[in-house]
Amino acid sequence: MLSRRNPQLNKHGELIHLLSIEGLPKAVLLQILDTASTFMSVNEREVKKVPLLRGKSVFNLFFENSTRTRTTFEIAATRLSADVMNLDISRSSAAKGESLLDTIANLSAMHADMFVVRHSESGAPYLIARHCAPHVHVVNAGDGRHAHPTQALLDMYTIRHYKKDFSNLRVAIVGDIVHSRVARSDIHALTTLGAAEVRAVGPKTLVPGDLRSMGVRVCHDMAEGVRDADVIIMLRLQNERMSGAMLPSAGEFFKHYGLTEEKLALAHPEAIVMHPGPITRGVEIDSSVADGRQSVILPQVTFGIAVRMAVMSTLAGNEA
């Protein structure tokens, strides 16, 4: 039965679903990051497998397309020795009119142990977690504008890898924040882990006004936003989620908020540049920065496999 206080935790405070970063204690976040560190060595072996999920069935349920995220979850589950099923729900049962819960009930009857869910509707993974069998774990791989907890965890792993400690860090999140589930999850993770300052940088149309209540410094001027920053997280313009004229043009956005070498020079000299991908060169980031010395965009992808291994193995080890 799901906890009324936090549906992600059992009565012992252990993680049984990963639905959102919001509300998770610092100790749980650190446990996942520490576990991910142990899996980094697995990914460097000649035989990249451990038996932690042997005999378990992991279903990747992607109601919304994302080849990158689905592939990293598939690799992570396979390296844990799980049986992995990739289901393109958008072209199958959902397209035929079957309800979300009917789809879950049918897949549960196939002895699923874990659902990795990506959905365009905010809250869909919560609904699934509420109705699946007690032994089944649910991982949110992105739901609407709401949350993308594994991306936030791999971002935190990346930051900790390069900067060691969060307590003195100034982190700037730049771009389309209003549509970004990654930004929301990153903000919750950074504040929970004790970052000194979190800044949300972008035009007024793309930065939600409620962020100040979360302790976030809102900056509509790029120079102010990145000055002396230790970490800069760039976000993709999510045109598919925009309605109306929220931006004059992509070129105008790049002029004011695109990360160039000149703007990066305002940050701390050892600042790292991150991006959840896919990157759009010449819109939110210049190629010279994306491929430059301070970019850690590709290591993020590598770390993401170990982090998702850590999430799945942690969930599998806890009972509802």
Protein backbone atom coordinates (compact mmCIF):
# COMPACT_ATOMS: atom_id res chain seq x y z
CA MET A 1 0.00 0.00 0.00
CA LEU A 2 1.33 3.43 -0.89
CA SER A 3 2.27 5.80 1.92
CA ARG A 4 -0.11 8.73 2.26
CA ARG A 5 2.77 10.99 3.26
CA ASN A 6 4.97 10.17 0.28
CA PRO A 7 3.93 7.52 -2.25
CA GLN A 8 7.58 6.98 -3.17
CA LEU A 9 8.61 5.67 0.27
CA ASN A 10 7.62 2.63 2.30
CA LYS A 11 6.93 2.72 6.05
CA HIS A 12 10.67 2.45 6.72
CA GLY A 13 11.42 5.53 4.60
CA GLU A 14 12.95 3.42 1.82
CA LEU A 15 12.45 4.22 -1.86
CA ILE A 16 9.90 1.96 -3.59
CA HIS A 17 9.03 4.21 -6.55
CA LEU A 18 10.95 7.12 -8.09
CA LEU A 19 8.26 9.55 -9.20
CA SER A 20 9.74 12.95 -8.34
CA ILE A 21 12.70 14.53 -6.56
CA GLU A 22 10.31 16.76 -4.63
CA GLY A 23 9.78 15.47 -1.12
CA LEU A 24 12.66 13.00 -1.12
CA PRO A 25 15.02 13.31 1.84
CA LYS A 26 18.65 14.24 1.28
CA ALA A 27 19.74 10.81 2.56
CA VAL A 28 17.84 9.03 -0.23
CA LEU A 29 19.41 11.23 -2.91
CA LEU A 30 22.88 10.65 -1.50
CA GLN A 31 22.26 6.89 -1.30
CA ILE A 32 21.50 6.80 -5.04
CA LEU A 33 24.53 8.96 -5.90
CA ASP A 34 26.80 6.79 -3.76
CA THR A 35 25.40 3.60 -5.30
CA ALA A 36 25.92 5.03 -8.79
CA SER A 37 29.60 5.54 -7.95
CA THR A 38 29.98 1.81 -7.37
CA PHE A 39 28.41 1.07 -10.76
CA MET A 40 30.82 3.30 -12.68
CA SER A 41 33.45 0.56 -12.44
CA VAL A 42 30.98 -2.00 -13.85
CA ASN A 43 30.60 0.11 -16.97
CA GLU A 44 34.38 0.01 -17.47
CA ARG A 45 34.66 -3.78 -17.30
CA GLU A 46 35.03 -6.06 -20.29
CA VAL A 47 31.86 -7.89 -19.16
CA LYS A 48 29.54 -5.06 -18.14
CA LYS A 49 27.05 -7.06 -16.05
CA VAL A 50 26.09 -7.69 -12.44
CA PRO A 51 23.33 -10.12 -11.36
CA LEU A 52 21.31 -7.76 -9.13
CA LEU A 53 18.13 -7.89 -11.26
CA ARG A 54 18.53 -11.40 -12.64
CA GLY A 55 15.08 -12.94 -13.12
CA LYS A 56 13.33 -9.54 -12.92
CA SER A 57 11.30 -8.07 -15.79
CA VAL A 58 11.62 -4.36 -16.57
CA PHE A 59 9.05 -2.84 -18.93
CA ASN A 60 9.97 0.44 -20.66
CA LEU A 61 6.60 2.12 -21.27
CA PHE A 62 7.19 5.15 -23.44
CA PHE A 63 3.91 6.89 -24.24
CA GLU A 64 6.08 9.79 -25.46
CA ASN A 65 9.13 9.37 -27.69
CA SER A 66 12.65 9.64 -26.33
CA THR A 67 15.25 7.36 -27.87
CA ARG A 68 18.06 8.67 -25.65
CA THR A 69 16.30 8.15 -22.30
CA ARG A 70 14.79 4.81 -23.27
CA THR A 71 18.14 3.52 -24.51
CA THR A 72 19.97 4.46 -21.31
CA PHE A 73 17.29 2.74 -19.20
CA GLU A 74 17.53 -0.33 -21.43
CA ILE A 75 21.33 -0.44 -21.10
CA ALA A 76 21.11 0.07 -17.33
CA ALA A 77 18.56 -2.71 -16.84
CA THR A 78 20.49 -5.07 -19.12
CA ARG A 79 23.71 -4.46 -17.17
CA LEU A 80 21.80 -5.41 -14.02
CA SER A 81 20.87 -8.70 -15.80
CA ALA A 82 17.14 -7.90 -16.00
CA ASP A 83 14.86 -9.03 -18.83
CA VAL A 84 13.93 -5.82 -20.65
CA MET A 85 10.82 -5.21 -22.73
CA ASN A 86 10.56 -2.01 -24.79
CA LEU A 87 6.96 -1.15 -25.63
CA ASP A 88 6.04 1.66 -28.00
CA ILE A 89 2.70 2.28 -26.34
CA SER A 90 1.91 5.30 -28.54
CA ARG A 91 1.55 2.98 -31.53
CA SER A 92 -0.16 0.05 -29.83
CA SER A 93 -2.77 -0.28 -27.07
CA ALA A 94 -3.19 3.44 -26.31
CA ALA A 95 -3.70 4.18 -29.99
CA LYS A 96 -6.47 1.58 -30.01
CA GLY A 97 -8.34 3.31 -27.21
CA GLU A 98 -7.26 1.19 -24.24
CA SER A 99 -7.09 3.12 -20.98
CA LEU A 100 -3.80 3.66 -19.18
CA LEU A 101 -4.84 1.51 -16.21
CA ASP A 102 -6.09 -1.31 -18.47
CA THR A 103 -2.71 -1.29 -20.21
CA ILE A 104 -0.93 -1.48 -16.84
CA ALA A 105 -3.22 -4.28 -15.62
CA ASN A 106 -2.49 -6.35 -18.71
CA LEU A 107 1.26 -5.81 -18.44
CA SER A 108 1.17 -6.64 -14.72
CA ALA A 109 -0.45 -9.95 -15.67
CA MET A 110 2.74 -10.65 -17.66
CA HIS A 111 4.66 -10.63 -14.33
CA ALA A 112 6.28 -7.23 -14.62
CA ASP A 113 8.55 -6.23 -11.73
CA MET A 114 9.29 -2.65 -12.76
CA PHE A 115 7.70 -0.06 -15.04
CA VAL A 116 9.82 2.76 -16.49
CA VAL A 117 7.23 5.29 -17.62
CA ARG A 118 7.49 8.32 -19.88
CA HIS A 119 4.22 10.15 -20.49
CA SER A 120 3.12 13.51 -21.88
CA GLU A 121 0.59 13.96 -19.03
CA SER A 122 1.87 15.19 -15.68
CA GLY A 123 1.04 12.74 -12.92
CA ALA A 124 0.69 9.60 -15.06
CA PRO A 125 3.46 7.70 -13.19
CA TYR A 126 1.74 8.51 -9.87
CA LEU A 127 -1.51 7.04 -11.19
CA ILE A 128 0.30 3.88 -12.29
CA ALA A 129 2.11 3.55 -8.94
CA ARG A 130 -1.21 3.87 -7.12
CA HIS A 131 -2.82 1.04 -9.08
CA CYS A 132 -0.04 -1.47 -9.78
CA ALA A 133 0.62 -4.58 -7.67
CA PRO A 134 2.53 -4.02 -4.40
CA HIS A 135 5.68 -5.77 -5.65
CA VAL A 136 5.92 -3.61 -8.81
CA HIS A 137 8.18 -0.55 -8.78
CA VAL A 138 7.58 2.53 -10.96
CA VAL A 139 10.26 4.88 -12.29
CA ASN A 140 9.23 8.20 -13.80
CA ALA A 141 11.24 8.77 -16.99
CA GLY A 142 9.56 12.15 -17.56
CA ASP A 143 5.93 13.22 -17.18
CA GLY A 144 4.58 16.33 -18.90
CA ARG A 145 6.06 19.50 -17.44
CA HIS A 146 6.19 17.95 -14.00
CA ALA A 147 9.32 15.92 -13.28
CA HIS A 148 12.29 14.01 -14.69
CA PRO A 149 13.92 12.62 -11.54
CA THR A 150 16.58 10.37 -13.08
CA GLN A 151 17.85 13.25 -15.24
CA ALA A 152 18.11 15.39 -12.11
CA LEU A 153 19.99 12.63 -10.31
CA LEU A 154 22.47 12.20 -13.15
CA ASP A 155 22.88 15.99 -13.21
CA MET A 156 23.61 15.93 -9.46
CA TYR A 157 26.05 13.06 -9.95
CA THR A 158 27.84 15.06 -12.66
CA ILE A 159 28.04 18.17 -10.47
CA ARG A 160 29.34 16.20 -7.50
CA HIS A 161 31.87 14.39 -9.69
CA TYR A 162 33.44 17.66 -10.86
CA LYS A 163 32.76 19.97 -7.89
CA LYS A 164 32.76 17.49 -4.95
CA ASP A 165 30.60 19.59 -2.65
CA PHE A 166 27.30 21.44 -3.19
CA SER A 167 27.45 23.85 -0.26
CA ASN A 168 29.42 26.64 -1.99
CA LEU A 169 28.06 26.24 -5.51
CA ARG A 170 26.28 28.85 -7.60
CA VAL A 171 24.22 27.05 -10.23
CA ALA A 172 22.57 28.81 -13.17
CA ILE A 173 19.77 27.04 -15.06
CA VAL A 174 19.27 28.83 -18.36
CA GLY A 175 16.53 28.82 -21.01
CA ASP A 176 13.03 27.42 -21.32
CA ILE A 177 12.35 26.78 -17.65
CA VAL A 178 8.57 27.10 -17.73
CA HIS A 179 8.21 23.99 -19.93
CA SER A 180 11.13 22.05 -18.43
CA ARG A 181 10.52 19.08 -16.12
CA VAL A 182 14.32 18.77 -15.91
CA ALA A 183 14.64 22.29 -14.50
CA ARG A 184 12.00 21.63 -11.83
CA SER A 185 13.64 18.38 -10.78
CA ASP A 186 17.11 19.96 -10.79
CA ILE A 187 15.90 22.82 -8.59
CA HIS A 188 14.41 20.42 -6.02
CA ALA A 189 17.59 18.31 -6.05
CA LEU A 190 19.95 21.29 -5.73
CA THR A 191 18.02 22.87 -2.85
CA THR A 192 17.76 19.50 -1.04
CA LEU A 193 21.50 18.90 -1.44
CA GLY A 194 22.30 22.36 -0.12
CA ALA A 195 23.54 24.35 -3.12
CA ALA A 196 24.50 27.89 -2.06
CA GLU A 197 22.51 29.59 -4.83
CA VAL A 198 20.25 28.42 -7.63
CA ARG A 199 19.49 30.88 -10.44
CA ALA A 200 16.79 30.62 -13.09
CA VAL A 201 17.84 32.58 -16.17
CA GLY A 202 15.69 33.40 -19.18
CA PRO A 203 13.08 35.73 -20.68
CA LYS A 204 10.00 36.56 -18.60
CA THR A 205 7.84 34.40 -20.87
CA LEU A 206 9.94 31.30 -20.14
CA VAL A 207 10.67 31.64 -16.42
CA PRO A 208 7.75 30.88 -14.06
CA GLY A 209 7.07 33.48 -11.40
CA ASP A 210 6.67 31.01 -8.54
CA LEU A 211 10.36 30.04 -8.44
CA ARG A 212 11.27 32.76 -5.93
CA SER A 213 9.14 30.98 -3.32
CA MET A 214 11.43 27.96 -3.81
CA GLY A 215 14.47 30.05 -2.92
CA VAL A 216 15.54 30.50 -6.55
CA ARG A 217 17.06 33.75 -7.79
CA VAL A 218 15.31 34.75 -11.02
CA CYS A 219 17.44 36.59 -13.60
CA HIS A 220 16.15 37.94 -16.89
CA ASP A 221 19.59 39.24 -17.86
CA MET A 222 22.03 36.56 -19.04
CA ALA A 223 25.14 38.39 -17.82
CA GLU A 224 23.68 38.70 -14.32
CA GLY A 225 22.57 35.07 -14.39
CA VAL A 226 25.88 33.45 -15.31
CA ARG A 227 28.31 35.85 -13.59
CA ASP A 228 30.60 33.86 -11.23
CA ALA A 229 28.47 30.72 -11.69
CA ASP A 230 30.18 27.40 -10.92
CA VAL A 231 27.72 25.32 -12.94
CA ILE A 232 25.65 26.34 -15.98
CA ILE A 233 22.83 24.03 -17.04
CA MET A 234 21.48 24.93 -20.48
CA LEU A 235 18.00 23.82 -21.53
CA ARG A 236 16.46 23.08 -24.91
CA LEU A 237 13.72 25.34 -26.25
CA GLN A 238 10.67 23.08 -26.11
CA ASN A 239 8.76 24.48 -29.07
CA GLU A 240 6.38 21.50 -29.05
CA ARG A 241 5.05 22.63 -25.65
CA MET A 242 4.79 26.32 -26.45
CA SER A 243 1.52 27.97 -27.35
CA GLY A 244 1.41 31.43 -28.89
CA ALA A 245 4.34 33.76 -29.46
CA MET A 246 6.53 33.16 -26.41
CA LEU A 247 9.68 34.08 -28.33
CA PRO A 248 10.34 36.50 -31.21
CA SER A 249 12.61 33.91 -32.89
CA ALA A 250 15.26 31.29 -32.18
CA GLY A 251 17.88 33.74 -33.42
CA GLU A 252 16.71 36.42 -31.02
CA PHE A 253 16.80 33.91 -28.16
CA PHE A 254 20.39 32.92 -29.01
CA LYS A 255 21.43 36.55 -29.14
CA HIS A 256 20.23 37.18 -25.58
CA TYR A 257 20.35 33.80 -23.85
CA GLY A 258 22.46 31.46 -25.98
CA LEU A 259 25.67 30.39 -24.26
CA THR A 260 28.66 31.69 -26.20
CA GLU A 261 32.33 31.84 -25.23
CA GLU A 262 31.89 35.53 -24.41
CA LYS A 263 29.03 34.85 -21.99
CA LEU A 264 30.77 31.82 -20.51
CA ALA A 265 33.77 34.03 -19.73
CA LEU A 266 31.59 35.81 -17.15
CA ALA A 267 31.26 32.60 -15.13
CA HIS A 268 33.86 31.15 -12.77
CA PRO A 269 36.96 30.16 -14.80
CA GLU A 270 36.44 26.49 -13.83
CA ALA A 271 32.70 26.48 -14.36
CA ILE A 272 31.22 23.39 -16.00
CA VAL A 273 28.61 23.52 -18.76
CA MET A 274 25.80 20.94 -18.77
CA HIS A 275 22.81 20.12 -20.97
CA PRO A 276 20.22 17.32 -20.66
CA GLY A 277 20.14 16.89 -24.45
CA PRO A 278 19.38 16.85 -27.22
CA ILE A 279 21.33 20.06 -27.77
CA THR A 280 20.36 22.56 -30.44
CA ARG A 281 23.54 24.22 -31.62
CA GLY A 282 23.21 27.88 -32.45
CA VAL A 283 19.96 28.22 -30.50
CA GLU A 284 20.74 27.63 -26.82
CA ILE A 285 24.45 26.89 -27.07
CA ASP A 286 27.30 27.68 -29.44
CA SER A 287 29.23 24.73 -30.87
CA SER A 288 32.51 26.09 -29.52
CA VAL A 289 31.05 25.88 -26.00
CA ALA A 290 29.26 22.53 -26.46
CA ASP A 291 32.53 20.97 -27.64
CA GLY A 292 34.80 23.07 -25.44
CA ARG A 293 36.99 22.44 -22.42
CA GLN A 294 34.31 23.28 -19.87
CA SER A 295 31.56 21.15 -21.42
CA VAL A 296 30.62 17.95 -19.56
CA ILE A 297 27.62 17.13 -21.75
CA LEU A 298 28.95 13.75 -22.94
CA PRO A 299 30.09 12.62 -19.46
CA GLN A 300 26.52 13.34 -18.31
CA VAL A 301 25.31 10.64 -20.70
CA THR A 302 27.89 8.15 -19.40
CA PHE A 303 27.02 8.91 -15.77
CA GLY A 304 23.33 8.52 -16.60
CA ILE A 305 23.70 4.76 -17.12
CA ALA A 306 25.27 4.25 -13.68
CA VAL A 307 22.66 6.48 -12.03
CA ARG A 308 19.77 4.58 -13.61
CA MET A 309 21.40 1.31 -12.56
CA ALA A 310 21.54 2.71 -9.03
CA VAL A 311 17.87 3.74 -9.08
CA MET A 312 16.63 0.37 -10.33
CA SER A 313 18.79 -1.70 -7.99
CA THR A 314 17.77 0.46 -5.02
CA LEU A 315 14.07 0.05 -5.80
CA ALA A 316 14.39 -3.70 -6.36
CA GLY A 317 16.01 -4.08 -2.94
CA ASN A 318 13.11 -2.45 -1.07
CA GLU A 319 9.69 -3.93 -0.27
CA ALA A 320 6.45 -1.96 -0.38
